Full PDB file with SEQRES, HELIX, SHEET, SSBOND, CRYST1, ORIGX, SCALE, CONECT and MASTER records, all heavy atoms in Angstrom:
SEQRES   1 A   32  LEU GLY HIS GLU ALA ALA GLY VAL VAL THR ALA VAL GLY          
SEQRES   2 A   32  PRO GLY VAL THR ASN LEU VAL PRO GLY GLN ARG VAL ALA          
SEQRES   3 A   32  ILE GLU ALA GLY VAL MET                                      
SHEET    1 AA1 2 ALA A   5  VAL A   8  0                                        
SHEET    2 AA1 2 ARG A  24  ILE A  27 -1                                        
CRYST1    1.000    1.000    1.000  90.00  90.00  90.00 P 1           1          
ORIGX1      1.000000  0.000000  0.000000        0.00000                         
ORIGX2      0.000000  1.000000  0.000000        0.00000                         
ORIGX3      0.000000  0.000000  1.000000        0.00000                         
SCALE1      1.000000  0.000000  0.000000        0.00000                         
SCALE2      0.000000  1.000000  0.000000        0.00000                         
SCALE3      0.000000  0.000000  1.000000        0.00000                         
ATOM      1  N   LEU A   1       4.381  -4.034   2.050  1.00  0.00           N  
ATOM      2  CA  LEU A   1       3.081  -4.697   2.019  1.00  0.00           C  
ATOM      3  C   LEU A   1       2.008  -3.746   1.481  1.00  0.00           C  
ATOM      4  O   LEU A   1       2.284  -2.607   1.145  1.00  0.00           O  
ATOM      5  CB  LEU A   1       2.709  -5.183   3.424  1.00  0.00           C  
ATOM      6  CG  LEU A   1       3.621  -6.257   4.021  1.00  0.00           C  
ATOM      7  CD1 LEU A   1       3.225  -6.566   5.456  1.00  0.00           C  
ATOM      8  CD2 LEU A   1       3.594  -7.532   3.174  1.00  0.00           C  
ATOM      9  N   GLY A   2       0.758  -4.229   1.422  1.00  0.00           N  
ATOM     10  CA  GLY A   2      -0.373  -3.398   1.008  1.00  0.00           C  
ATOM     11  C   GLY A   2      -0.734  -3.579  -0.450  1.00  0.00           C  
ATOM     12  O   GLY A   2       0.133  -3.494  -1.328  1.00  0.00           O  
ATOM     13  N   HIS A   3      -2.029  -3.881  -0.719  1.00  0.00           N  
ATOM     14  CA  HIS A   3      -2.457  -4.040  -2.116  1.00  0.00           C  
ATOM     15  C   HIS A   3      -3.909  -3.609  -2.339  1.00  0.00           C  
ATOM     16  O   HIS A   3      -4.420  -3.767  -3.439  1.00  0.00           O  
ATOM     17  CB  HIS A   3      -2.276  -5.498  -2.571  1.00  0.00           C  
ATOM     18  CG  HIS A   3      -2.976  -6.487  -1.695  1.00  0.00           C  
ATOM     19  ND1 HIS A   3      -2.352  -7.084  -0.625  1.00  0.00           N  
ATOM     20  CD2 HIS A   3      -4.242  -6.941  -1.708  1.00  0.00           C  
ATOM     21  CE1 HIS A   3      -3.218  -7.883  -0.012  1.00  0.00           C  
ATOM     22  NE2 HIS A   3      -4.375  -7.816  -0.655  1.00  0.00           N  
ATOM     23  N   GLU A   4      -4.578  -3.106  -1.302  1.00  0.00           N  
ATOM     24  CA  GLU A   4      -5.938  -2.580  -1.479  1.00  0.00           C  
ATOM     25  C   GLU A   4      -5.813  -1.064  -1.424  1.00  0.00           C  
ATOM     26  O   GLU A   4      -5.805  -0.486  -0.339  1.00  0.00           O  
ATOM     27  CB  GLU A   4      -6.857  -3.058  -0.346  1.00  0.00           C  
ATOM     28  CG  GLU A   4      -6.943  -4.564  -0.189  1.00  0.00           C  
ATOM     29  CD  GLU A   4      -7.826  -4.957   0.996  1.00  0.00           C  
ATOM     30  OE1 GLU A   4      -8.323  -4.048   1.704  1.00  0.00           O  
ATOM     31  OE2 GLU A   4      -8.016  -6.162   1.214  1.00  0.00           O  
ATOM     32  N   ALA A   5      -5.711  -0.393  -2.580  1.00  0.00           N  
ATOM     33  CA  ALA A   5      -5.304   1.002  -2.509  1.00  0.00           C  
ATOM     34  C   ALA A   5      -5.867   1.877  -3.616  1.00  0.00           C  
ATOM     35  O   ALA A   5      -6.260   1.407  -4.686  1.00  0.00           O  
ATOM     36  CB  ALA A   5      -3.768   1.091  -2.524  1.00  0.00           C  
ATOM     37  N   ALA A   6      -5.866   3.170  -3.312  1.00  0.00           N  
ATOM     38  CA  ALA A   6      -6.243   4.200  -4.284  1.00  0.00           C  
ATOM     39  C   ALA A   6      -5.390   5.436  -4.021  1.00  0.00           C  
ATOM     40  O   ALA A   6      -4.896   5.643  -2.907  1.00  0.00           O  
ATOM     41  CB  ALA A   6      -7.729   4.536  -4.154  1.00  0.00           C  
ATOM     42  N   GLY A   7      -5.218   6.258  -5.048  1.00  0.00           N  
ATOM     43  CA  GLY A   7      -4.387   7.446  -4.892  1.00  0.00           C  
ATOM     44  C   GLY A   7      -4.544   8.404  -6.055  1.00  0.00           C  
ATOM     45  O   GLY A   7      -5.529   8.354  -6.801  1.00  0.00           O  
ATOM     46  N   VAL A   8      -3.536   9.258  -6.218  1.00  0.00           N  
ATOM     47  CA  VAL A   8      -3.571  10.305  -7.243  1.00  0.00           C  
ATOM     48  C   VAL A   8      -2.343  10.169  -8.145  1.00  0.00           C  
ATOM     49  O   VAL A   8      -1.217  10.040  -7.655  1.00  0.00           O  
ATOM     50  CB  VAL A   8      -3.559  11.713  -6.583  1.00  0.00           C  
ATOM     51  CG1 VAL A   8      -3.562  12.793  -7.654  1.00  0.00           C  
ATOM     52  CG2 VAL A   8      -4.742  11.888  -5.657  1.00  0.00           C  
ATOM     53  N   VAL A   9      -2.557  10.193  -9.436  1.00  0.00           N  
ATOM     54  CA  VAL A   9      -1.438  10.157 -10.390  1.00  0.00           C  
ATOM     55  C   VAL A   9      -0.643  11.458 -10.258  1.00  0.00           C  
ATOM     56  O   VAL A   9      -1.215  12.551 -10.297  1.00  0.00           O  
ATOM     57  CB  VAL A   9      -1.954   9.994 -11.839  1.00  0.00           C  
ATOM     58  CG1 VAL A   9      -0.804  10.109 -12.848  1.00  0.00           C  
ATOM     59  CG2 VAL A   9      -2.674   8.663 -12.004  1.00  0.00           C  
ATOM     60  N   THR A  10       0.674  11.330 -10.070  1.00  0.00           N  
ATOM     61  CA  THR A  10       1.522  12.525  -9.937  1.00  0.00           C  
ATOM     62  C   THR A  10       2.451  12.714 -11.137  1.00  0.00           C  
ATOM     63  O   THR A  10       2.972  13.806 -11.357  1.00  0.00           O  
ATOM     64  CB  THR A  10       2.371  12.447  -8.650  1.00  0.00           C  
ATOM     65  OG1 THR A  10       3.071  11.192  -8.641  1.00  0.00           O  
ATOM     66  CG2 THR A  10       1.488  12.538  -7.407  1.00  0.00           C  
ATOM     67  N   ALA A  11       2.669  11.660 -11.914  1.00  0.00           N  
ATOM     68  CA  ALA A  11       3.516  11.760 -13.116  1.00  0.00           C  
ATOM     69  C   ALA A  11       3.229  10.557 -13.997  1.00  0.00           C  
ATOM     70  O   ALA A  11       2.797   9.505 -13.498  1.00  0.00           O  
ATOM     71  CB  ALA A  11       4.996  11.773 -12.720  1.00  0.00           C  
ATOM     72  N   VAL A  12       3.450  10.697 -15.290  1.00  0.00           N  
ATOM     73  CA  VAL A  12       3.289   9.558 -16.195  1.00  0.00           C  
ATOM     74  C   VAL A  12       4.572   9.353 -16.982  1.00  0.00           C  
ATOM     75  O   VAL A  12       5.270  10.312 -17.310  1.00  0.00           O  
ATOM     76  CB  VAL A  12       2.083   9.728 -17.157  1.00  0.00           C  
ATOM     77  CG1 VAL A  12       0.775   9.759 -16.390  1.00  0.00           C  
ATOM     78  CG2 VAL A  12       2.230  10.963 -18.027  1.00  0.00           C  
ATOM     79  N   GLY A  13       4.870   8.089 -17.257  1.00  0.00           N  
ATOM     80  CA  GLY A  13       6.063   7.756 -18.025  1.00  0.00           C  
ATOM     81  C   GLY A  13       5.784   7.823 -19.515  1.00  0.00           C  
ATOM     82  O   GLY A  13       4.649   8.051 -19.946  1.00  0.00           O  
ATOM     83  N   PRO A  14       6.813   7.598 -20.339  1.00  0.00           N  
ATOM     84  CA  PRO A  14       6.645   7.618 -21.795  1.00  0.00           C  
ATOM     85  C   PRO A  14       5.597   6.599 -22.244  1.00  0.00           C  
ATOM     86  O   PRO A  14       5.499   5.507 -21.687  1.00  0.00           O  
ATOM     87  CB  PRO A  14       8.042   7.227 -22.320  1.00  0.00           C  
ATOM     88  CG  PRO A  14       8.980   7.472 -21.177  1.00  0.00           C  
ATOM     89  CD  PRO A  14       8.193   7.295 -19.925  1.00  0.00           C  
ATOM     90  N   GLY A  15       4.797   6.964 -23.221  1.00  0.00           N  
ATOM     91  CA  GLY A  15       3.831   6.039 -23.808  1.00  0.00           C  
ATOM     92  C   GLY A  15       2.501   5.948 -23.076  1.00  0.00           C  
ATOM     93  O   GLY A  15       1.609   5.217 -23.512  1.00  0.00           O  
ATOM     94  N   VAL A  16       2.349   6.668 -21.969  1.00  0.00           N  
ATOM     95  CA  VAL A  16       1.083   6.600 -21.219  1.00  0.00           C  
ATOM     96  C   VAL A  16       0.133   7.670 -21.744  1.00  0.00           C  
ATOM     97  O   VAL A  16       0.428   8.866 -21.681  1.00  0.00           O  
ATOM     98  CB  VAL A  16       1.322   6.789 -19.705  1.00  0.00           C  
ATOM     99  CG1 VAL A  16      -0.012   6.869 -18.959  1.00  0.00           C  
ATOM    100  CG2 VAL A  16       2.168   5.645 -19.150  1.00  0.00           C  
ATOM    101  N   THR A  17      -1.010   7.210 -22.266  1.00  0.00           N  
ATOM    102  CA  THR A  17      -1.975   8.162 -22.832  1.00  0.00           C  
ATOM    103  C   THR A  17      -3.326   8.134 -22.123  1.00  0.00           C  
ATOM    104  O   THR A  17      -4.159   9.006 -22.333  1.00  0.00           O  
ATOM    105  CB  THR A  17      -2.220   7.845 -24.325  1.00  0.00           C  
ATOM    106  OG1 THR A  17      -2.628   6.468 -24.428  1.00  0.00           O  
ATOM    107  CG2 THR A  17      -0.957   8.058 -25.146  1.00  0.00           C  
ATOM    108  N   ASN A  18      -3.553   7.123 -21.267  1.00  0.00           N  
ATOM    109  CA  ASN A  18      -4.882   6.969 -20.651  1.00  0.00           C  
ATOM    110  C   ASN A  18      -5.006   7.685 -19.305  1.00  0.00           C  
ATOM    111  O   ASN A  18      -6.085   7.714 -18.716  1.00  0.00           O  
ATOM    112  CB  ASN A  18      -5.219   5.485 -20.469  1.00  0.00           C  
ATOM    113  CG  ASN A  18      -4.252   4.767 -19.529  1.00  0.00           C  
ATOM    114  OD1 ASN A  18      -3.049   5.025 -19.560  1.00  0.00           O  
ATOM    115  ND2 ASN A  18      -4.763   3.881 -18.705  1.00  0.00           N  
ATOM    116  N   LEU A  19      -3.902   8.253 -18.805  1.00  0.00           N  
ATOM    117  CA  LEU A  19      -3.922   8.918 -17.497  1.00  0.00           C  
ATOM    118  C   LEU A  19      -3.187  10.246 -17.567  1.00  0.00           C  
ATOM    119  O   LEU A  19      -2.275  10.414 -18.375  1.00  0.00           O  
ATOM    120  CB  LEU A  19      -3.246   8.028 -16.432  1.00  0.00           C  
ATOM    121  CG  LEU A  19      -3.878   6.661 -16.141  1.00  0.00           C  
ATOM    122  CD1 LEU A  19      -2.939   5.842 -15.275  1.00  0.00           C  
ATOM    123  CD2 LEU A  19      -5.231   6.821 -15.452  1.00  0.00           C  
ATOM    124  N   VAL A  20      -3.585  11.172 -16.680  1.00  0.00           N  
ATOM    125  CA  VAL A  20      -2.885  12.464 -16.580  1.00  0.00           C  
ATOM    126  C   VAL A  20      -2.627  12.763 -15.109  1.00  0.00           C  
ATOM    127  O   VAL A  20      -3.366  12.300 -14.233  1.00  0.00           O  
ATOM    128  CB  VAL A  20      -3.722  13.616 -17.198  1.00  0.00           C  
ATOM    129  CG1 VAL A  20      -3.831  13.458 -18.699  1.00  0.00           C  
ATOM    130  CG2 VAL A  20      -5.097  13.711 -16.551  1.00  0.00           C  
ATOM    131  N   PRO A  21      -1.573  13.518 -14.812  1.00  0.00           N  
ATOM    132  CA  PRO A  21      -1.316  13.904 -13.421  1.00  0.00           C  
ATOM    133  C   PRO A  21      -2.542  14.611 -12.821  1.00  0.00           C  
ATOM    134  O   PRO A  21      -3.232  15.372 -13.496  1.00  0.00           O  
ATOM    135  CB  PRO A  21      -0.117  14.853 -13.532  1.00  0.00           C  
ATOM    136  CG  PRO A  21       0.609  14.385 -14.763  1.00  0.00           C  
ATOM    137  CD  PRO A  21      -0.476  13.959 -15.710  1.00  0.00           C  
ATOM    138  N   GLY A  22      -2.803  14.295 -11.561  1.00  0.00           N  
ATOM    139  CA  GLY A  22      -3.961  14.855 -10.881  1.00  0.00           C  
ATOM    140  C   GLY A  22      -5.169  13.932 -10.904  1.00  0.00           C  
ATOM    141  O   GLY A  22      -6.146  14.151 -10.176  1.00  0.00           O  
ATOM    142  N   GLN A  23      -5.103  12.878 -11.727  1.00  0.00           N  
ATOM    143  CA  GLN A  23      -6.235  11.948 -11.831  1.00  0.00           C  
ATOM    144  C   GLN A  23      -6.281  11.012 -10.619  1.00  0.00           C  
ATOM    145  O   GLN A  23      -5.259  10.506 -10.163  1.00  0.00           O  
ATOM    146  CB  GLN A  23      -6.075  11.128 -13.117  1.00  0.00           C  
ATOM    147  CG  GLN A  23      -7.362  10.529 -13.619  1.00  0.00           C  
ATOM    148  CD  GLN A  23      -7.252  10.122 -15.079  1.00  0.00           C  
ATOM    149  OE1 GLN A  23      -6.229  10.342 -15.729  1.00  0.00           O  
ATOM    150  NE2 GLN A  23      -8.305   9.527 -15.608  1.00  0.00           N  
ATOM    151  N   ARG A  24      -7.489  10.784 -10.103  1.00  0.00           N  
ATOM    152  CA  ARG A  24      -7.685   9.868  -8.975  1.00  0.00           C  
ATOM    153  C   ARG A  24      -7.881   8.456  -9.518  1.00  0.00           C  
ATOM    154  O   ARG A  24      -8.666   8.251 -10.441  1.00  0.00           O  
ATOM    155  CB  ARG A  24      -8.913  10.299  -8.161  1.00  0.00           C  
ATOM    156  CG  ARG A  24      -8.802  11.704  -7.599  1.00  0.00           C  
ATOM    157  CD  ARG A  24     -10.152  12.291  -7.207  1.00  0.00           C  
ATOM    158  NE  ARG A  24     -10.732  11.604  -6.076  1.00  0.00           N  
ATOM    159  CZ  ARG A  24     -11.792  10.795  -6.121  1.00  0.00           C  
ATOM    160  NH1 ARG A  24     -12.421  10.569  -7.263  1.00  0.00           N  
ATOM    161  NH2 ARG A  24     -12.256  10.224  -5.033  1.00  0.00           N  
ATOM    162  N   VAL A  25      -7.168   7.487  -8.943  1.00  0.00           N  
ATOM    163  CA  VAL A  25      -7.217   6.116  -9.477  1.00  0.00           C  
ATOM    164  C   VAL A  25      -7.276   5.074  -8.362  1.00  0.00           C  
ATOM    165  O   VAL A  25      -6.788   5.297  -7.251  1.00  0.00           O  
ATOM    166  CB  VAL A  25      -5.976   5.804 -10.364  1.00  0.00           C  
ATOM    167  CG1 VAL A  25      -6.009   6.586 -11.665  1.00  0.00           C  
ATOM    168  CG2 VAL A  25      -4.671   6.039  -9.602  1.00  0.00           C  
ATOM    169  N   ALA A  26      -7.888   3.924  -8.698  1.00  0.00           N  
ATOM    170  CA  ALA A  26      -7.763   2.717  -7.875  1.00  0.00           C  
ATOM    171  C   ALA A  26      -6.620   1.904  -8.463  1.00  0.00           C  
ATOM    172  O   ALA A  26      -6.455   1.837  -9.690  1.00  0.00           O  
ATOM    173  CB  ALA A  26      -9.061   1.923  -7.904  1.00  0.00           C  
ATOM    174  N   ILE A  27      -5.821   1.310  -7.587  1.00  0.00           N  
ATOM    175  CA  ILE A  27      -4.626   0.578  -8.015  1.00  0.00           C  
ATOM    176  C   ILE A  27      -4.928  -0.920  -8.022  1.00  0.00           C  
ATOM    177  O   ILE A  27      -5.203  -1.508  -6.977  1.00  0.00           O  
ATOM    178  CB  ILE A  27      -3.445   0.865  -7.057  1.00  0.00           C  
ATOM    179  CG1 ILE A  27      -3.141   2.364  -7.018  1.00  0.00           C  
ATOM    180  CG2 ILE A  27      -2.212   0.055  -7.456  1.00  0.00           C  
ATOM    181  CD1 ILE A  27      -2.240   2.779  -5.852  1.00  0.00           C  
ATOM    182  N   GLU A  28      -4.921  -1.540  -9.207  1.00  0.00           N  
ATOM    183  CA  GLU A  28      -5.050  -3.005  -9.274  1.00  0.00           C  
ATOM    184  C   GLU A  28      -3.650  -3.575  -9.122  1.00  0.00           C  
ATOM    185  O   GLU A  28      -2.763  -3.316  -9.942  1.00  0.00           O  
ATOM    186  CB  GLU A  28      -5.684  -3.426 -10.603  1.00  0.00           C  
ATOM    187  CG  GLU A  28      -5.892  -4.925 -10.698  1.00  0.00           C  
ATOM    188  CD  GLU A  28      -6.681  -5.373 -11.923  1.00  0.00           C  
ATOM    189  OE1 GLU A  28      -7.223  -4.519 -12.659  1.00  0.00           O  
ATOM    190  OE2 GLU A  28      -6.745  -6.598 -12.147  1.00  0.00           O  
ATOM    191  N   ALA A  29      -3.448  -4.386  -8.073  1.00  0.00           N  
ATOM    192  CA  ALA A  29      -2.087  -4.754  -7.660  1.00  0.00           C  
ATOM    193  C   ALA A  29      -1.424  -5.799  -8.545  1.00  0.00           C  
ATOM    194  O   ALA A  29      -0.208  -5.879  -8.617  1.00  0.00           O  
ATOM    195  CB  ALA A  29      -2.111  -5.253  -6.207  1.00  0.00           C  
ATOM    196  N   GLY A  30      -2.225  -6.615  -9.241  1.00  0.00           N  
ATOM    197  CA  GLY A  30      -1.645  -7.683 -10.047  1.00  0.00           C  
ATOM    198  C   GLY A  30      -1.205  -7.186 -11.414  1.00  0.00           C  
ATOM    199  O   GLY A  30      -1.945  -6.470 -12.087  1.00  0.00           O  
ATOM    200  N   VAL A  31       0.000  -7.575 -11.806  1.00  0.00           N  
ATOM    201  CA  VAL A  31       0.522  -7.196 -13.132  1.00  0.00           C  
ATOM    202  C   VAL A  31       0.697  -8.477 -13.943  1.00  0.00           C  
ATOM    203  O   VAL A  31       1.588  -9.278 -13.679  1.00  0.00           O  
ATOM    204  CB  VAL A  31       1.866  -6.446 -13.013  1.00  0.00           C  
ATOM    205  CG1 VAL A  31       2.343  -5.996 -14.389  1.00  0.00           C  
ATOM    206  CG2 VAL A  31       1.745  -5.252 -12.069  1.00  0.00           C  
ATOM    207  N   MET A  32      -0.205  -8.666 -14.914  1.00  0.00           N  
ATOM    208  CA  MET A  32      -0.203  -9.889 -15.716  1.00  0.00           C  
ATOM    209  C   MET A  32       0.768  -9.771 -16.887  1.00  0.00           C  
ATOM    210  O   MET A  32       1.175  -8.676 -17.245  1.00  0.00           O  
ATOM    211  CB  MET A  32      -1.630 -10.189 -16.201  1.00  0.00           C  
ATOM    212  CG  MET A  32      -2.225  -9.174 -17.179  1.00  0.00           C  
ATOM    213  SD  MET A  32      -2.440  -7.465 -16.578  1.00  0.00           S  
ATOM    214  CE  MET A  32      -3.792  -7.664 -15.423  1.00  0.00           C  
TER     215      MET A  32                                                      
MASTER        0    0    0    0    2    0    0    6  214    1    0    3          
END                                                                             
């Protein structure tokens, strides 16, 4: 459960250019 959340990026997968490890983020739970 749980969908109101924030945390810290710890790793990024291939093709991710908008985030870096260590970045603080809010998590939008819906994936369209």
